[in-house]
């Protein structure tokens, strides 16, 4: 299972990736989570099972959904993002993948 987090430069989501990995390990879930800048989405989007956008790039939601119409694409909840709540963001991603 591959989760792609997208933000302006890929830096702000790196801490969130760590928190999500911790949450996944606690739940015994094997998962690959990566963070990349929105400008690199063409390189990483195809491999993702779900794409989550940081709130600062929410303006790209329509474009990303158009590029990947068969993948779940959502904006990360601003409060969960701000609090770096890896558990909640992971749960959101898993629910999107499950449909």
PDB file of N, CA and C in Angstrom:
ATOM      1  N   UNK A   1       0.841  -1.164   0.000  1.00  0.00           N
ATOM      2  CA  UNK A   1       0.000   0.000   0.000  1.00  0.00           C
ATOM      3  C   UNK A   1       0.894   1.237   0.000  1.00  0.00           C
ATOM      4  N   UNK A   2       0.625   2.152  -0.908  1.00  0.00           N
ATOM      5  CA  UNK A   2       1.445   3.354  -1.059  1.00  0.00           C
ATOM      6  C   UNK A   2       0.603   4.603  -0.857  1.00  0.00           C
ATOM      7  N   UNK A   3       1.039   5.441   0.068  1.00  0.00           N
ATOM      8  CA  UNK A   3       0.379   6.711   0.334  1.00  0.00           C
ATOM      9  C   UNK A   3       1.334   7.821  -0.079  1.00  0.00           C
ATOM     10  N   UNK A   4       0.834   8.754  -0.874  1.00  0.00           N
ATOM     11  CA  UNK A   4       1.626   9.902  -1.307  1.00  0.00           C
ATOM     12  C   UNK A   4       1.067  11.161  -0.664  1.00  0.00           C
ATOM     13  N   UNK A   5       1.924  11.868   0.075  1.00  0.00           N
ATOM     14  CA  UNK A   5       1.574  13.169   0.632  1.00  0.00           C
ATOM     15  C   UNK A   5       2.231  14.225  -0.240  1.00  0.00           C
ATOM     16  N   UNK A   6       1.474  15.239  -0.589  1.00  0.00           N
ATOM     17  CA  UNK A   6       1.969  16.279  -1.484  1.00  0.00           C
ATOM     18  C   UNK A   6       1.834  17.629  -0.790  1.00  0.00           C
ATOM     19  N   UNK A   7       2.915  18.404  -0.798  1.00  0.00           N
ATOM     20  CA  UNK A   7       2.852  19.759  -0.241  1.00  0.00           C
ATOM     21  C   UNK A   7       3.640  20.693  -1.149  1.00  0.00           C
ATOM     22  N   UNK A   8       3.870  21.894  -0.678  1.00  0.00           N
ATOM     23  CA  UNK A   8       4.528  22.894  -1.516  1.00  0.00           C
ATOM     24  C   UNK A   8       5.967  22.497  -1.846  1.00  0.00           C
ATOM     25  N   UNK A   9       6.725  22.042  -0.842  1.00  0.00           N
ATOM     26  CA  UNK A   9       8.127  21.700  -1.082  1.00  0.00           C
ATOM     27  C   UNK A   9       8.499  20.298  -0.614  1.00  0.00           C
ATOM     28  N   UNK A  10       7.579  19.591   0.009  1.00  0.00           N
ATOM     29  CA  UNK A  10       7.869  18.251   0.500  1.00  0.00           C
ATOM     30  C   UNK A  10       8.466  18.235   1.893  1.00  0.00           C
ATOM     31  N   UNK A  11       8.789  19.394   2.424  1.00  0.00           N
ATOM     32  CA  UNK A  11       9.444  19.472   3.728  1.00  0.00           C
ATOM     33  C   UNK A  11       8.438  19.399   4.873  1.00  0.00           C
ATOM     34  N   UNK A  12       7.363  20.137   4.766  1.00  0.00           N
ATOM     35  CA  UNK A  12       6.418  20.205   5.885  1.00  0.00           C
ATOM     36  C   UNK A  12       5.726  18.878   6.132  1.00  0.00           C
ATOM     37  N   UNK A  13       5.655  18.040   5.118  1.00  0.00           N
ATOM     38  CA  UNK A  13       4.988  16.750   5.297  1.00  0.00           C
ATOM     39  C   UNK A  13       5.932  15.664   5.790  1.00  0.00           C
ATOM     40  N   UNK A  14       7.231  15.923   5.825  1.00  0.00           N
ATOM     41  CA  UNK A  14       8.164  14.872   6.238  1.00  0.00           C
ATOM     42  C   UNK A  14       7.946  14.460   7.692  1.00  0.00           C
ATOM     43  N   UNK A  15       7.654  15.405   8.570  1.00  0.00           N
ATOM     44  CA  UNK A  15       7.351  15.064   9.959  1.00  0.00           C
ATOM     45  C   UNK A  15       6.053  14.266  10.028  1.00  0.00           C
ATOM     46  N   UNK A  16       5.075  14.647   9.224  1.00  0.00           N
ATOM     47  CA  UNK A  16       3.806  13.920   9.199  1.00  0.00           C
ATOM     48  C   UNK A  16       4.017  12.486   8.716  1.00  0.00           C
ATOM     49  N   UNK A  17       4.893  12.288   7.751  1.00  0.00           N
ATOM     50  CA  UNK A  17       5.220  10.933   7.285  1.00  0.00           C
ATOM     51  C   UNK A  17       5.759  10.106   8.450  1.00  0.00           C
ATOM     52  N   UNK A  18       6.658  10.686   9.239  1.00  0.00           N
ATOM     53  CA  UNK A  18       7.209   9.973  10.398  1.00  0.00           C
ATOM     54  C   UNK A  18       6.110   9.595  11.382  1.00  0.00           C
ATOM     55  N   UNK A  19       5.213  10.524  11.637  1.00  0.00           N
ATOM     56  CA  UNK A  19       4.113  10.257  12.577  1.00  0.00           C
ATOM     57  C   UNK A  19       3.172   9.185  12.030  1.00  0.00           C
ATOM     58  N   UNK A  20       2.924   9.220  10.738  1.00  0.00           N
ATOM     59  CA  UNK A  20       2.060   8.210  10.120  1.00  0.00           C
ATOM     60  C   UNK A  20       2.719   6.833  10.160  1.00  0.00           C
ATOM     61  N   UNK A  21       4.030   6.793   9.929  1.00  0.00           N
ATOM     62  CA  UNK A  21       4.755   5.519  10.013  1.00  0.00           C
ATOM     63  C   UNK A  21       4.704   4.944  11.425  1.00  0.00           C
ATOM     64  N   UNK A  22       4.822   5.812  12.424  1.00  0.00           N
ATOM     65  CA  UNK A  22       4.710   5.366  13.814  1.00  0.00           C
ATOM     66  C   UNK A  22       3.325   4.780  14.076  1.00  0.00           C
ATOM     67  N   UNK A  23       2.285   5.454  13.586  1.00  0.00           N
ATOM     68  CA  UNK A  23       0.911   4.983  13.770  1.00  0.00           C
ATOM     69  C   UNK A  23       0.695   3.652  13.058  1.00  0.00           C
ATOM     70  N   UNK A  24       1.246   3.516  11.856  1.00  0.00           N
ATOM     71  CA  UNK A  24       1.107   2.271  11.097  1.00  0.00           C
ATOM     72  C   UNK A  24       1.812   1.124  11.816  1.00  0.00           C
ATOM     73  N   UNK A  25       2.996   1.387  12.347  1.00  0.00           N
ATOM     74  CA  UNK A  25       3.741   0.356  13.075  1.00  0.00           C
ATOM     75  C   UNK A  25       2.971  -0.087  14.317  1.00  0.00           C
ATOM     76  N   UNK A  26       2.366   0.870  15.013  1.00  0.00           N
ATOM     77  CA  UNK A  26       1.589   0.546  16.215  1.00  0.00           C
ATOM     78  C   UNK A  26       0.380  -0.319  15.879  1.00  0.00           C
ATOM     79  N   UNK A  27      -0.148  -0.153  14.664  1.00  0.00           N
ATOM     80  CA  UNK A  27      -1.312  -0.933  14.227  1.00  0.00           C
ATOM     81  C   UNK A  27      -0.907  -2.213  13.504  1.00  0.00           C
ATOM     82  N   UNK A  28       0.390  -2.395  13.306  1.00  0.00           N
ATOM     83  CA  UNK A  28       0.869  -3.580  12.602  1.00  0.00           C
ATOM     84  C   UNK A  28       0.569  -3.557  11.112  1.00  0.00           C
ATOM     85  N   UNK A  29       0.532  -2.364  10.540  1.00  0.00           N
ATOM     86  CA  UNK A  29       0.222  -2.209   9.115  1.00  0.00           C
ATOM     87  C   UNK A  29       1.514  -1.967   8.339  1.00  0.00           C
ATOM     88  N   UNK A  30       1.760  -2.779   7.326  1.00  0.00           N
ATOM     89  CA  UNK A  30       2.891  -2.560   6.437  1.00  0.00           C
ATOM     90  C   UNK A  30       2.482  -1.581   5.350  1.00  0.00           C
ATOM     91  N   UNK A  31       3.175  -0.471   5.276  1.00  0.00           N
ATOM     92  CA  UNK A  31       2.741   0.599   4.381  1.00  0.00           C
ATOM     93  C   UNK A  31       3.953   1.407   3.930  1.00  0.00           C
ATOM     94  N   UNK A  32       3.857   2.000   2.758  1.00  0.00           N
ATOM     95  CA  UNK A  32       4.891   2.898   2.257  1.00  0.00           C
ATOM     96  C   UNK A  32       4.277   4.289   2.160  1.00  0.00           C
ATOM     97  N   UNK A  33       4.877   5.243   2.855  1.00  0.00           N
ATOM     98  CA  UNK A  33       4.374   6.617   2.852  1.00  0.00           C
ATOM     99  C   UNK A  33       5.507   7.521   2.402  1.00  0.00           C
ATOM    100  N   UNK A  34       5.235   8.343   1.394  1.00  0.00           N
ATOM    101  CA  UNK A  34       6.241   9.272   0.885  1.00  0.00           C
ATOM    102  C   UNK A  34       5.658  10.673   0.813  1.00  0.00           C
ATOM    103  N   UNK A  35       6.530  11.667   0.942  1.00  0.00           N
ATOM    104  CA  UNK A  35       6.147  13.066   0.795  1.00  0.00           C
ATOM    105  C   UNK A  35       6.982  13.689  -0.311  1.00  0.00           C
ATOM    106  N   UNK A  36       6.306  14.416  -1.193  1.00  0.00           N
ATOM    107  CA  UNK A  36       6.993  15.065  -2.312  1.00  0.00           C
ATOM    108  C   UNK A  36       6.323  16.397  -2.623  1.00  0.00           C
ATOM    109  N   UNK A  37       7.063  17.312  -3.240  1.00  0.00           N
ATOM    110  CA  UNK A  37       6.456  18.578  -3.648  1.00  0.00           C
ATOM    111  C   UNK A  37       5.431  18.357  -4.754  1.00  0.00           C
ATOM    112  N   UNK A  38       4.448  19.221  -4.797  1.00  0.00           N
ATOM    113  CA  UNK A  38       3.380  19.086  -5.787  1.00  0.00           C
ATOM    114  C   UNK A  38       3.935  19.111  -7.212  1.00  0.00           C
ATOM    115  N   UNK A  39       5.034  19.795  -7.423  1.00  0.00           N
ATOM    116  CA  UNK A  39       5.647  19.847  -8.745  1.00  0.00           C
ATOM    117  C   UNK A  39       6.220  18.523  -9.212  1.00  0.00           C
ATOM    118  N   UNK A  40       6.378  17.570  -8.290  1.00  0.00           N
ATOM    119  CA  UNK A  40       6.917  16.246  -8.621  1.00  0.00           C
ATOM    120  C   UNK A  40       5.843  15.174  -8.723  1.00  0.00           C
ATOM    121  N   UNK A  41       4.596  15.563  -8.683  1.00  0.00           N
ATOM    122  CA  UNK A  41       3.526  14.564  -8.625  1.00  0.00           C
ATOM    123  C   UNK A  41       3.526  13.635  -9.836  1.00  0.00           C
ATOM    124  N   UNK A  42       3.941  14.132 -10.986  1.00  0.00           N
ATOM    125  CA  UNK A  42       3.972  13.274 -12.179  1.00  0.00           C
ATOM    126  C   UNK A  42       4.945  12.107 -12.015  1.00  0.00           C
ATOM    127  N   UNK A  43       5.975  12.284 -11.209  1.00  0.00           N
ATOM    128  CA  UNK A  43       6.973  11.232 -10.989  1.00  0.00           C
ATOM    129  C   UNK A  43       6.508  10.180  -9.992  1.00  0.00           C
ATOM    130  N   UNK A  44       5.609  10.551  -9.080  1.00  0.00           N
ATOM    131  CA  UNK A  44       5.263   9.656  -7.976  1.00  0.00           C
ATOM    132  C   UNK A  44       3.791   9.271  -7.909  1.00  0.00           C
ATOM    133  N   UNK A  45       2.944   9.977  -8.605  1.00  0.00           N
ATOM    134  CA  UNK A  45       1.504   9.747  -8.504  1.00  0.00           C
ATOM    135  C   UNK A  45       1.041   8.388  -8.975  1.00  0.00           C
ATOM    136  N   UNK A  46       1.648   7.864 -10.035  1.00  0.00           N
ATOM    137  CA  UNK A  46       1.201   6.575 -10.576  1.00  0.00           C
ATOM    138  C   UNK A  46       1.359   5.432  -9.581  1.00  0.00           C
ATOM    139  N   UNK A  47       2.376   5.483  -8.745  1.00  0.00           N
ATOM    140  CA  UNK A  47       2.644   4.397  -7.799  1.00  0.00           C
ATOM    141  C   UNK A  47       1.776   4.476  -6.545  1.00  0.00           C
ATOM    142  N   UNK A  48       1.097   5.592  -6.346  1.00  0.00           N
ATOM    143  CA  UNK A  48       0.321   5.793  -5.120  1.00  0.00           C
ATOM    144  C   UNK A  48      -1.038   5.106  -5.190  1.00  0.00           C
ATOM    145  N   UNK A  49      -1.459   4.577  -4.040  1.00  0.00           N
ATOM    146  CA  UNK A  49      -2.817   4.050  -3.908  1.00  0.00           C
ATOM    147  C   UNK A  49      -3.776   5.150  -3.479  1.00  0.00           C
ATOM    148  N   UNK A  50      -3.252   6.152  -2.800  1.00  0.00           N
ATOM    149  CA  UNK A  50      -4.028   7.313  -2.379  1.00  0.00           C
ATOM    150  C   UNK A  50      -3.093   8.520  -2.370  1.00  0.00           C
ATOM    151  N   UNK A  51      -3.639   9.680  -2.723  1.00  0.00           N
ATOM    152  CA  UNK A  51      -2.860  10.916  -2.747  1.00  0.00           C
ATOM    153  C   UNK A  51      -3.526  11.908  -1.804  1.00  0.00           C
ATOM    154  N   UNK A  52      -2.745  12.397  -0.838  1.00  0.00           N
ATOM    155  CA  UNK A  52      -3.238  13.377   0.117  1.00  0.00           C
ATOM    156  C   UNK A  52      -2.466  14.675  -0.063  1.00  0.00           C
ATOM    157  N   UNK A  53      -3.193  15.770  -0.218  1.00  0.00           N
ATOM    158  CA  UNK A  53      -2.579  17.079  -0.410  1.00  0.00           C
ATOM    159  C   UNK A  53      -2.541  17.836   0.907  1.00  0.00           C
ATOM    160  N   UNK A  54      -1.416  18.491   1.161  1.00  0.00           N
ATOM    161  CA  UNK A  54      -1.329  19.374   2.314  1.00  0.00           C
ATOM    162  C   UNK A  54      -2.261  20.551   2.110  1.00  0.00           C
ATOM    163  N   UNK A  55      -2.785  21.121   3.195  1.00  0.00           N
ATOM    164  CA  UNK A  55      -3.733  22.234   3.070  1.00  0.00           C
ATOM    165  C   UNK A  55      -3.195  23.412   2.268  1.00  0.00           C
ATOM    166  N   UNK A  56      -1.875  23.621   2.285  1.00  0.00           N
ATOM    167  CA  UNK A  56      -1.298  24.757   1.570  1.00  0.00           C
ATOM    168  C   UNK A  56      -1.324  24.583   0.051  1.00  0.00           C
ATOM    169  N   UNK A  57      -1.589  23.366  -0.435  1.00  0.00           N
ATOM    170  CA  UNK A  57      -1.696  23.150  -1.887  1.00  0.00           C
ATOM    171  C   UNK A  57      -3.098  22.650  -2.265  1.00  0.00           C
ATOM    172  N   UNK A  58      -4.080  22.982  -1.431  1.00  0.00           N
ATOM    173  CA  UNK A  58      -5.454  22.553  -1.701  1.00  0.00           C
ATOM    174  C   UNK A  58      -5.955  23.065  -3.052  1.00  0.00           C
ATOM    175  N   UNK A  59      -5.390  24.175  -3.524  1.00  0.00           N
ATOM    176  CA  UNK A  59      -5.777  24.721  -4.824  1.00  0.00           C
ATOM    177  C   UNK A  59      -5.460  23.758  -5.969  1.00  0.00           C
ATOM    178  N   UNK A  60      -4.624  22.751  -5.731  1.00  0.00           N
ATOM    179  CA  UNK A  60      -4.267  21.766  -6.756  1.00  0.00           C
ATOM    180  C   UNK A  60      -5.211  20.561  -6.784  1.00  0.00           C
ATOM    181  N   UNK A  61      -6.182  20.506  -5.880  1.00  0.00           N
ATOM    182  CA  UNK A  61      -7.050  19.336  -5.760  1.00  0.00           C
ATOM    183  C   UNK A  61      -7.719  18.975  -7.082  1.00  0.00           C
ATOM    184  N   UNK A  62      -8.305  19.938  -7.739  1.00  0.00           N
ATOM    185  CA  UNK A  62      -9.006  19.670  -9.003  1.00  0.00           C
ATOM    186  C   UNK A  62      -8.045  19.121 -10.057  1.00  0.00           C
ATOM    187  N   UNK A  63      -6.862  19.708 -10.158  1.00  0.00           N
ATOM    188  CA  UNK A  63      -5.872  19.257 -11.144  1.00  0.00           C
ATOM    189  C   UNK A  63      -5.391  17.838 -10.861  1.00  0.00           C
ATOM    190  N   UNK A  64      -5.122  17.545  -9.586  1.00  0.00           N
ATOM    191  CA  UNK A  64      -4.623  16.215  -9.225  1.00  0.00           C
ATOM    192  C   UNK A  64      -5.711  15.169  -9.449  1.00  0.00           C
ATOM    193  N   UNK A  65      -6.949  15.498  -9.097  1.00  0.00           N
ATOM    194  CA  UNK A  65      -8.056  14.561  -9.344  1.00  0.00           C
ATOM    195  C   UNK A  65      -8.213  14.294 -10.843  1.00  0.00           C
ATOM    196  N   UNK A  66      -8.006  15.315 -11.660  1.00  0.00           N
ATOM    197  CA  UNK A  66      -8.114  15.141 -13.113  1.00  0.00           C
ATOM    198  C   UNK A  66      -6.989  14.254 -13.649  1.00  0.00           C
ATOM    199  N   UNK A  67      -5.786  14.384 -13.081  1.00  0.00           N
ATOM    200  CA  UNK A  67      -4.648  13.565 -13.517  1.00  0.00           C
ATOM    201  C   UNK A  67      -4.802  12.112 -13.099  1.00  0.00           C
ATOM    202  N   UNK A  68      -5.437  11.896 -11.946  1.00  0.00           N
ATOM    203  CA  UNK A  68      -5.556  10.547 -11.376  1.00  0.00           C
ATOM    204  C   UNK A  68      -7.017  10.248 -11.046  1.00  0.00           C
ATOM    205  N   UNK A  69      -7.847  10.126 -12.087  1.00  0.00           N
ATOM    206  CA  UNK A  69      -9.288   9.952 -11.848  1.00  0.00           C
ATOM    207  C   UNK A  69      -9.661   8.635 -11.174  1.00  0.00           C
ATOM    208  N   UNK A  70      -8.776   7.650 -11.207  1.00  0.00           N
ATOM    209  CA  UNK A  70      -9.081   6.348 -10.610  1.00  0.00           C
ATOM    210  C   UNK A  70      -8.438   6.145  -9.244  1.00  0.00           C
ATOM    211  N   UNK A  71      -7.891   7.224  -8.685  1.00  0.00           N
ATOM    212  CA  UNK A  71      -7.263   7.145  -7.360  1.00  0.00           C
ATOM    213  C   UNK A  71      -7.988   8.088  -6.408  1.00  0.00           C
ATOM    214  N   UNK A  72      -8.083   7.691  -5.138  1.00  0.00           N
ATOM    215  CA  UNK A  72      -8.637   8.636  -4.170  1.00  0.00           C
ATOM    216  C   UNK A  72      -7.648   9.777  -3.929  1.00  0.00           C
ATOM    217  N   UNK A  73      -8.159  11.001  -4.019  1.00  0.00           N
ATOM    218  CA  UNK A  73      -7.347  12.202  -3.818  1.00  0.00           C
ATOM    219  C   UNK A  73      -8.131  13.130  -2.887  1.00  0.00           C
ATOM    220  N   UNK A  74      -7.505  13.538  -1.802  1.00  0.00           N
ATOM    221  CA  UNK A  74      -8.165  14.421  -0.840  1.00  0.00           C
ATOM    222  C   UNK A  74      -7.162  15.405  -0.260  1.00  0.00           C
ATOM    223  N   UNK A  75      -7.695  16.482   0.334  1.00  0.00           N
ATOM    224  CA  UNK A  75      -6.877  17.434   1.078  1.00  0.00           C
ATOM    225  C   UNK A  75      -6.868  16.988   2.538  1.00  0.00           C
ATOM    226  N   UNK A  76      -5.702  17.002   3.151  1.00  0.00           N
ATOM    227  CA  UNK A  76      -5.572  16.635   4.562  1.00  0.00           C
ATOM    228  C   UNK A  76      -6.294  17.675   5.413  1.00  0.00           C
ATOM    229  N   UNK A  77      -7.042  17.202   6.390  1.00  0.00           N
ATOM    230  CA  UNK A  77      -7.727  18.081   7.330  1.00  0.00           C
ATOM    231  C   UNK A  77      -6.717  19.054   7.943  1.00  0.00           C
ATOM    232  N   UNK A  78      -7.055  20.343   7.922  1.00  0.00           N
ATOM    233  CA  UNK A  78      -6.111  21.371   8.357  1.00  0.00           C
ATOM    234  C   UNK A  78      -5.705  21.201   9.825  1.00  0.00           C
ATOM    235  N   UNK A  79      -6.641  20.846  10.684  1.00  0.00           N
ATOM    236  CA  UNK A  79      -6.313  20.665  12.096  1.00  0.00           C
ATOM    237  C   UNK A  79      -5.393  19.457  12.288  1.00  0.00           C
ATOM    238  N   UNK A  80      -5.706  18.347  11.614  1.00  0.00           N
ATOM    239  CA  UNK A  80      -4.855  17.158  11.717  1.00  0.00           C
ATOM    240  C   UNK A  80      -3.458  17.449  11.187  1.00  0.00           C
ATOM    241  N   UNK A  81      -3.389  18.231  10.111  1.00  0.00           N
ATOM    242  CA  UNK A  81      -2.100  18.597   9.529  1.00  0.00           C
ATOM    243  C   UNK A  81      -1.313  19.483  10.497  1.00  0.00           C
ATOM    244  N   UNK A  82      -1.978  20.501  11.021  1.00  0.00           N
ATOM    245  CA  UNK A  82      -1.318  21.432  11.928  1.00  0.00           C
ATOM    246  C   UNK A  82      -0.815  20.769  13.199  1.00  0.00           C
ATOM    247  N   UNK A  83      -1.567  19.781  13.686  1.00  0.00           N
ATOM    248  CA  UNK A  83      -1.186  19.057  14.897  1.00  0.00           C
ATOM    249  C   UNK A  83      -0.262  17.879  14.586  1.00  0.00           C
ATOM    250  N   UNK A  84       0.007  17.656  13.291  1.00  0.00           N
ATOM    251  CA  UNK A  84       0.822  16.523  12.845  1.00  0.00           C
ATOM    252  C   UNK A  84       0.275  15.216  13.431  1.00  0.00           C
ATOM    253  N   UNK A  85      -1.043  15.063  13.331  1.00  0.00           N
ATOM    254  CA  UNK A  85      -1.725  13.891  13.875  1.00  0.00           C
ATOM    255  C   UNK A  85      -1.635  12.741  12.876  1.00  0.00           C
ATOM    256  N   UNK A  86      -0.534  12.017  12.944  1.00  0.00           N
ATOM    257  CA  UNK A  86      -0.284  10.925  12.013  1.00  0.00           C
ATOM    258  C   UNK A  86      -1.327   9.838  12.063  1.00  0.00           C
ATOM    259  N   UNK A  87      -1.862   9.573  13.247  1.00  0.00           N
ATOM    260  CA  UNK A  87      -2.872   8.532  13.396  1.00  0.00           C
ATOM    261  C   UNK A  87      -4.143   8.877  12.614  1.00  0.00           C
ATOM    262  N   UNK A  88      -4.616  10.110  12.752  1.00  0.00           N
ATOM    263  CA  UNK A  88      -5.843  10.508  12.049  1.00  0.00           C
ATOM    264  C   UNK A  88      -5.634  10.579  10.539  1.00  0.00           C
ATOM    265  N   UNK A  89      -4.500  11.091  10.119  1.00  0.00           N
ATOM    266  CA  UNK A  89      -4.236  11.184   8.680  1.00  0.00           C
ATOM    267  C   UNK A  89      -4.090   9.784   8.085  1.00  0.00           C
ATOM    268  N   UNK A  90      -3.448   8.879   8.810  1.00  0.00           N
ATOM    269  CA  UNK A  90      -3.348   7.493   8.359  1.00  0.00           C
ATOM    270  C   UNK A  90      -4.737   6.874   8.244  1.00  0.00           C
ATOM    271  N   UNK A  91      -5.577   7.075   9.252  1.00  0.00           N
ATOM    272  CA  UNK A  91      -6.942   6.539   9.204  1.00  0.00           C
ATOM    273  C   UNK A  91      -7.709   7.082   8.004  1.00  0.00           C
ATOM    274  N   UNK A  92      -7.536   8.368   7.718  1.00  0.00           N
ATOM    275  CA  UNK A  92      -8.186   8.969   6.550  1.00  0.00           C
ATOM    276  C   UNK A  92      -7.728   8.280   5.274  1.00  0.00           C
ATOM    277  N   UNK A  93      -6.422   8.089   5.139  1.00  0.00           N
ATOM    278  CA  UNK A  93      -5.873   7.442   3.942  1.00  0.00           C
ATOM    279  C   UNK A  93      -6.400   6.021   3.795  1.00  0.00           C
ATOM    280  N   UNK A  94      -6.432   5.274   4.892  1.00  0.00           N
ATOM    281  CA  UNK A  94      -6.900   3.889   4.840  1.00  0.00           C
ATOM    282  C   UNK A  94      -8.372   3.815   4.447  1.00  0.00           C
ATOM    283  N   UNK A  95      -9.179   4.722   4.972  1.00  0.00           N
ATOM    284  CA  UNK A  95     -10.604   4.755   4.612  1.00  0.00           C
ATOM    285  C   UNK A  95     -10.782   5.073   3.137  1.00  0.00           C
ATOM    286  N   UNK A  96      -9.976   5.981   2.614  1.00  0.00           N
ATOM    287  CA  UNK A  96     -10.060   6.326   1.192  1.00  0.00           C
ATOM    288  C   UNK A  96      -9.669   5.140   0.317  1.00  0.00           C
ATOM    289  N   UNK A  97      -8.663   4.400   0.726  1.00  0.00           N
ATOM    290  CA  UNK A  97      -8.219   3.239  -0.045  1.00  0.00           C
ATOM    291  C   UNK A  97      -9.288   2.152  -0.029  1.00  0.00           C
ATOM    292  N   UNK A  98      -9.907   1.957   1.133  1.00  0.00           N
ATOM    293  CA  UNK A  98     -10.942   0.926   1.256  1.00  0.00           C
ATOM    294  C   UNK A  98     -12.197   1.289   0.476  1.00  0.00           C
ATOM    295  N   UNK A  99     -12.368   2.580   0.215  1.00  0.00           N
ATOM    296  CA  UNK A  99     -13.525   3.021  -0.561  1.00  0.00           C
ATOM    297  C   UNK A  99     -14.685   3.262   0.312  1.00  0.00           C
TER     298      UNK A  99
END
